[in-house]
Amino acid sequence: MFKKRIENRSSQTANFTCFSRGCATHEKDPRFRGPDYVAEKLFPPMAKLILNVDPLRKLFMQWMFPPGIHEYVLARTKVMDAMFLEALEKVIPQIILLGAGYDTRAIRFADRNQGTKIIELDVPSTQEAKINVLKKKKISLPAELVFAPINFDREEIGDVLAKAGYQTLQRTLYLWEGVTMYLSAQAVDKTLAFIHDNSTAGSKVVFDYIYASVLRNENRYYGERNAYDTVARAGEGWTFGLEEGEVESFLAERRFELTAHYTSTDLEKLFLTESDGTLHARVNGTHCIAVATVR
């Protein structure tokens, strides 16, 4: 049976995302600076050297990231951060990170947590690599954080979460960042069904997705071809997408209400446009972010 690279080794795209977040914290203009100050602490020495030499960092980023992907990661991080902080401020019982990668929110916002349990799910190879680097860098972990390894295509999410202390029928925030495009349609449906059936009304899931036309290589969007080829070369090719304009009906059929939606144009206006209206940088057009509420 064919196995994706991430089932056997730490996800390369998770590494790329972590590096992008670290690079974003070195932007000179604070309006376009990334918030993830922990990310660079996870870098190996050579990567830190690249990060701290401005011309070298910019050249490496141009080589490493398809057009607009670094800018997309910056914007997505800020959207997800805002949702995470809102949940902590409301003291909801639990936050679930579905495919956490090298997410650092539990660490960065530990002083804002008043008792919300945070459960990180990811494939064992990536999660083990993350735990090892956190230990190596002597980064302390909050008591509210629980790690739970899972293979989303083969294991039942409810079984894995139950072992991690997940409480059903509680108000919950689910962050599903950079994951759906790597799953099967069946796995996406099963995850959304689990969220709906095991969470109280008002619980939210925030996820990003790619357009289905990207999977057909129609090359409609800025940076599409390079982005598609990059993840394919990493052995983590995209497998799931939604047609443009389909997300609201897709979610309604699964008993969710679409409460916010961000296209690349929306993200550019929110996070990458200067006060005089000048666009600082473009966002890769293949991705969107959706906020859905359990009905």
Protein backbone atom coordinates (compact mmCIF):
# COMPACT_ATOMS: atom_id res chain seq x y z
CA MET A 1 0.00 0.00 0.00
CA PHE A 2 1.27 3.49 -0.87
CA LYS A 3 2.34 5.48 2.16
CA LYS A 4 2.88 9.20 2.27
CA ARG A 5 6.28 10.35 3.43
CA ILE A 6 4.86 11.83 6.66
CA GLU A 7 3.81 8.41 7.91
CA ASN A 8 7.46 7.41 8.19
CA ARG A 9 9.38 10.65 8.67
CA SER A 10 8.74 14.08 10.13
CA SER A 11 6.63 16.19 7.79
CA GLN A 12 8.75 18.34 5.49
CA THR A 13 5.91 20.82 5.03
CA ALA A 14 5.65 21.19 8.82
CA ASN A 15 9.35 22.04 8.84
CA PHE A 16 8.86 24.57 6.04
CA THR A 17 5.97 26.18 7.91
CA CYS A 18 8.01 26.48 11.10
CA PHE A 19 10.88 28.07 9.17
CA SER A 20 8.49 30.50 7.49
CA ARG A 21 7.07 31.55 10.85
CA GLY A 22 10.56 32.11 12.20
CA CYS A 23 11.56 34.20 9.18
CA ALA A 24 8.43 36.32 9.54
CA THR A 25 9.50 37.50 13.00
CA HIS A 26 12.50 39.23 11.38
CA GLU A 27 10.45 41.51 9.13
CA LYS A 28 11.58 45.10 9.73
CA ASP A 29 8.12 46.62 9.41
CA PRO A 30 6.07 45.67 12.51
CA ARG A 31 2.84 45.76 10.49
CA PHE A 32 4.01 42.76 8.49
CA ARG A 33 5.99 40.99 11.19
CA GLY A 34 5.12 37.46 12.27
CA PRO A 35 4.03 36.74 15.86
CA ASP A 36 5.62 33.31 16.38
CA TYR A 37 8.72 34.19 18.40
CA VAL A 38 9.15 30.55 19.54
CA ALA A 39 9.53 29.09 16.03
CA GLU A 40 13.16 30.10 15.53
CA LYS A 41 14.12 28.50 18.84
CA LEU A 42 13.33 25.16 17.20
CA PHE A 43 15.76 25.72 14.32
CA PRO A 44 19.07 23.86 13.95
CA PRO A 45 22.21 26.07 14.11
CA MET A 46 22.61 26.46 10.33
CA ALA A 47 19.02 27.60 9.92
CA LYS A 48 19.51 30.16 12.68
CA LEU A 49 22.54 31.50 10.85
CA ILE A 50 20.47 31.96 7.68
CA LEU A 51 17.69 33.59 9.69
CA ASN A 52 19.92 36.25 11.21
CA VAL A 53 21.68 37.35 7.99
CA ASP A 54 19.12 39.50 6.20
CA PRO A 55 20.29 39.08 2.57
CA LEU A 56 20.91 35.36 3.08
CA ARG A 57 17.48 34.89 4.66
CA LYS A 58 15.71 36.63 1.78
CA LEU A 59 17.59 34.64 -0.85
CA PHE A 60 16.89 31.37 0.95
CA MET A 61 13.19 32.21 1.28
CA GLN A 62 12.93 32.94 -2.45
CA TRP A 63 14.50 29.56 -3.16
CA MET A 64 12.55 27.64 -0.52
CA PHE A 65 8.99 28.96 -0.79
CA PRO A 66 6.71 29.11 -3.83
CA PRO A 67 5.39 32.61 -4.62
CA GLY A 68 3.06 33.89 -1.93
CA ILE A 69 3.28 30.87 0.40
CA HIS A 70 5.40 32.61 3.05
CA GLU A 71 2.92 35.50 3.01
CA TYR A 72 0.03 33.06 3.28
CA VAL A 73 1.60 31.35 6.32
CA LEU A 74 2.08 34.76 7.97
CA ALA A 75 -1.58 35.70 7.43
CA ARG A 76 -2.88 32.26 8.44
CA THR A 77 -0.85 32.35 11.65
CA LYS A 78 -2.46 35.66 12.60
CA VAL A 79 -5.98 34.41 11.85
CA MET A 80 -5.46 31.24 13.85
CA ASP A 81 -3.78 33.13 16.71
CA ALA A 82 -6.81 35.41 17.00
CA MET A 83 -9.18 32.43 17.22
CA PHE A 84 -6.96 30.70 19.78
CA LEU A 85 -6.77 33.82 21.98
CA GLU A 86 -10.52 34.37 21.75
CA ALA A 87 -11.09 30.82 23.01
CA LEU A 88 -8.69 31.35 25.93
CA GLU A 89 -10.34 34.63 26.86
CA LYS A 90 -13.74 32.92 26.93
CA VAL A 91 -12.20 30.07 28.98
CA ILE A 92 -13.71 27.37 26.83
CA PRO A 93 -12.95 23.88 28.17
CA GLN A 94 -10.72 22.61 25.38
CA ILE A 95 -8.83 23.44 22.20
CA ILE A 96 -7.95 20.65 19.79
CA LEU A 97 -5.18 21.08 17.22
CA LEU A 98 -5.79 18.64 14.38
CA GLY A 99 -2.42 18.07 12.73
CA ALA A 100 -0.46 20.46 14.95
CA GLY A 101 2.95 20.21 13.29
CA TYR A 102 5.31 22.63 15.03
CA ASP A 103 2.50 24.78 16.41
CA THR A 104 3.65 26.89 19.39
CA ARG A 105 0.43 28.54 20.54
CA ALA A 106 0.13 26.54 23.77
CA ILE A 107 3.61 27.80 24.67
CA ARG A 108 3.29 31.37 23.38
CA PHE A 109 -0.04 32.00 25.09
CA ALA A 110 0.51 29.95 28.25
CA ASP A 111 0.20 33.05 30.45
CA ARG A 112 -3.27 33.72 29.00
CA ASN A 113 -4.57 30.22 29.68
CA GLN A 114 -6.96 30.03 32.64
CA GLY A 115 -7.54 26.28 32.52
CA THR A 116 -8.34 25.41 28.91
CA LYS A 117 -7.01 21.96 27.98
CA ILE A 118 -5.05 21.90 24.71
CA ILE A 119 -4.68 18.62 22.85
CA GLU A 120 -2.30 18.39 19.89
CA LEU A 121 -2.91 15.60 17.39
CA ASP A 122 -0.46 14.69 14.66
CA VAL A 123 1.17 11.71 12.98
CA PRO A 124 3.68 10.04 15.33
CA SER A 125 6.75 10.83 13.21
CA THR A 126 6.13 14.58 13.23
CA GLN A 127 4.95 14.74 16.83
CA GLU A 128 7.92 12.78 18.13
CA ALA A 129 10.30 15.06 16.25
CA LYS A 130 8.62 18.10 17.77
CA ILE A 131 8.71 16.74 21.32
CA ASN A 132 12.37 15.84 20.93
CA VAL A 133 13.37 19.31 19.75
CA LEU A 134 11.36 20.98 22.53
CA LYS A 135 13.21 18.84 25.07
CA LYS A 136 16.56 19.51 23.43
CA LYS A 137 15.96 23.26 23.46
CA LYS A 138 14.72 23.04 27.09
CA ILE A 139 11.45 24.76 26.26
CA SER A 140 9.04 24.26 29.14
CA LEU A 141 5.58 22.96 28.31
CA PRO A 142 2.39 24.15 29.99
CA ALA A 143 0.50 21.69 32.17
CA GLU A 144 -2.61 22.13 30.01
CA LEU A 145 -0.89 20.71 26.90
CA VAL A 146 -1.37 17.06 25.90
CA PHE A 147 0.22 15.34 22.89
CA ALA A 148 -1.79 12.63 21.11
CA PRO A 149 -0.32 10.77 18.09
CA ILE A 150 -2.73 9.80 15.30
CA ASN A 151 -2.94 8.74 11.67
CA PHE A 152 -5.97 10.66 10.40
CA ASP A 153 -6.69 8.30 7.53
CA ARG A 154 -6.53 5.09 9.59
CA GLU A 155 -7.47 5.78 13.21
CA GLU A 156 -10.68 6.94 14.82
CA ILE A 157 -10.23 10.47 16.11
CA GLY A 158 -12.63 9.83 19.00
CA ASP A 159 -10.59 6.90 20.30
CA VAL A 160 -7.36 8.87 20.20
CA LEU A 161 -8.86 11.96 21.82
CA ALA A 162 -10.55 9.96 24.57
CA LYS A 163 -7.17 8.60 25.66
CA ALA A 164 -5.87 12.17 25.76
CA GLY A 165 -8.60 13.34 28.14
CA TYR A 166 -11.00 14.88 25.62
CA GLN A 167 -14.47 15.56 27.00
CA THR A 168 -17.43 15.11 24.66
CA LEU A 169 -20.26 17.62 24.43
CA GLN A 170 -18.10 20.48 25.66
CA ARG A 171 -17.63 23.79 23.92
CA THR A 172 -14.46 23.35 21.91
CA LEU A 173 -12.28 25.15 19.38
CA TYR A 174 -10.69 22.96 16.72
CA LEU A 175 -7.76 24.36 14.75
CA TRP A 176 -7.20 22.38 11.56
CA GLU A 177 -4.26 24.22 10.05
CA GLY A 178 -2.58 23.09 6.85
CA VAL A 179 -4.12 19.60 6.95
CA THR A 180 -7.28 19.09 4.88
CA MET A 181 -5.47 19.30 1.55
CA TYR A 182 -3.38 16.23 2.49
CA LEU A 183 -6.35 14.04 3.46
CA SER A 184 -8.89 11.95 1.61
CA ALA A 185 -12.43 13.29 1.19
CA GLN A 186 -13.62 10.48 3.46
CA ALA A 187 -11.19 11.50 6.21
CA VAL A 188 -12.35 15.13 5.99
CA ASP A 189 -15.99 14.07 6.24
CA LYS A 190 -15.32 11.76 9.19
CA THR A 191 -13.48 14.47 11.07
CA LEU A 192 -16.22 17.04 10.54
CA ALA A 193 -18.86 14.49 11.57
CA PHE A 194 -16.94 13.76 14.74
CA ILE A 195 -16.63 17.44 15.57
CA HIS A 196 -20.34 18.07 15.05
CA ASP A 197 -21.55 15.02 16.95
CA ASN A 198 -19.24 15.44 19.94
CA SER A 199 -19.28 19.20 20.53
CA THR A 200 -21.92 21.57 21.87
CA ALA A 201 -23.58 24.10 19.59
CA GLY A 202 -21.36 27.13 19.21
CA SER A 203 -18.15 25.12 19.06
CA LYS A 204 -15.94 26.18 16.18
CA VAL A 205 -13.56 24.64 13.69
CA VAL A 206 -11.09 26.82 11.82
CA PHE A 207 -9.47 25.19 8.80
CA ASP A 208 -7.81 26.04 5.54
CA TYR A 209 -8.29 24.30 2.24
CA ILE A 210 -7.22 24.52 -1.38
CA TYR A 211 -9.39 24.90 -4.44
CA ALA A 212 -10.26 21.62 -6.18
CA SER A 213 -9.14 23.08 -9.50
CA VAL A 214 -5.58 23.09 -8.15
CA LEU A 215 -5.71 19.29 -8.03
CA ARG A 216 -6.67 19.34 -11.72
CA ASN A 217 -3.64 21.52 -12.56
CA GLU A 218 -5.79 24.26 -14.08
CA ASN A 219 -3.30 26.92 -12.96
CA ARG A 220 -5.87 29.62 -12.21
CA TYR A 221 -4.26 31.26 -9.19
CA TYR A 222 -1.15 33.20 -8.29
CA GLY A 223 1.72 30.85 -7.39
CA GLU A 224 -0.37 27.72 -8.00
CA ARG A 225 1.93 25.65 -10.15
CA ASN A 226 5.02 26.18 -8.00
CA ALA A 227 3.11 25.42 -4.80
CA TYR A 228 1.61 22.23 -6.19
CA ASP A 229 4.97 21.01 -7.47
CA THR A 230 6.77 21.84 -4.21
CA VAL A 231 4.54 19.71 -1.97
CA ALA A 232 4.59 16.90 -4.52
CA ARG A 233 8.39 16.86 -4.53
CA ALA A 234 8.34 16.70 -0.73
CA GLY A 235 6.33 13.47 -0.98
CA GLU A 236 3.28 15.14 0.57
CA GLY A 237 1.14 15.96 -2.44
CA TRP A 238 -2.29 17.52 -2.10
CA THR A 239 -5.30 15.20 -2.36
CA PHE A 240 -8.40 17.17 -1.25
CA GLY A 241 -9.93 20.47 -2.28
CA LEU A 242 -13.22 22.33 -2.60
CA GLU A 243 -14.56 24.05 -5.67
CA GLU A 244 -14.44 27.83 -5.57
CA GLY A 245 -17.63 29.12 -3.92
CA GLU A 246 -18.58 25.67 -2.57
CA VAL A 247 -17.43 25.94 1.05
CA GLU A 248 -20.68 27.36 2.51
CA SER A 249 -22.90 24.64 1.02
CA PHE A 250 -20.27 22.00 1.80
CA LEU A 251 -20.39 22.95 5.47
CA ALA A 252 -24.19 23.35 5.58
CA GLU A 253 -24.59 19.79 4.33
CA ARG A 254 -22.44 18.71 7.28
CA ARG A 255 -24.48 20.77 9.80
CA PHE A 256 -22.06 23.67 10.20
CA GLU A 257 -22.57 27.36 9.61
CA LEU A 258 -19.85 29.27 7.78
CA THR A 259 -19.21 32.28 10.02
CA ALA A 260 -16.06 33.72 8.42
CA HIS A 261 -14.12 33.11 5.23
CA TYR A 262 -10.81 34.47 3.97
CA THR A 263 -9.56 34.27 0.39
CA SER A 264 -6.05 35.31 -0.60
CA THR A 265 -7.43 38.75 -1.52
CA ASP A 266 -9.02 39.08 1.93
CA LEU A 267 -5.77 38.13 3.63
CA GLU A 268 -3.81 40.65 1.55
CA LYS A 269 -6.20 43.44 2.57
CA LEU A 270 -6.12 42.48 6.24
CA PHE A 271 -2.45 41.76 6.78
CA LEU A 272 -0.33 42.89 3.83
CA THR A 273 -1.70 46.24 2.70
CA GLU A 274 -0.07 49.50 3.74
CA SER A 275 -2.05 52.44 5.13
CA ASP A 276 -2.04 54.19 1.74
CA GLY A 277 -3.47 51.09 0.05
CA THR A 278 -0.18 49.82 -1.38
CA LEU A 279 0.10 46.05 -1.38
CA HIS A 280 3.20 45.00 0.56
CA ALA A 281 3.23 41.46 -0.86
CA ARG A 282 0.92 39.00 -2.58
CA VAL A 283 -0.56 35.87 -1.01
CA ASN A 284 -0.52 32.55 -2.84
CA GLY A 285 -3.98 32.20 -4.35
CA THR A 286 -4.53 28.47 -3.89
CA HIS A 287 -5.65 28.53 -0.24
CA CYS A 288 -8.61 29.87 1.75
CA ILE A 289 -9.41 29.86 5.48
CA ALA A 290 -12.87 29.02 6.82
CA VAL A 291 -14.38 29.47 10.28
CA ALA A 292 -17.34 27.15 10.86
CA THR A 293 -19.68 26.92 13.83
CA VAL A 294 -21.50 23.78 15.01
CA ARG A 295 -25.24 24.17 14.57
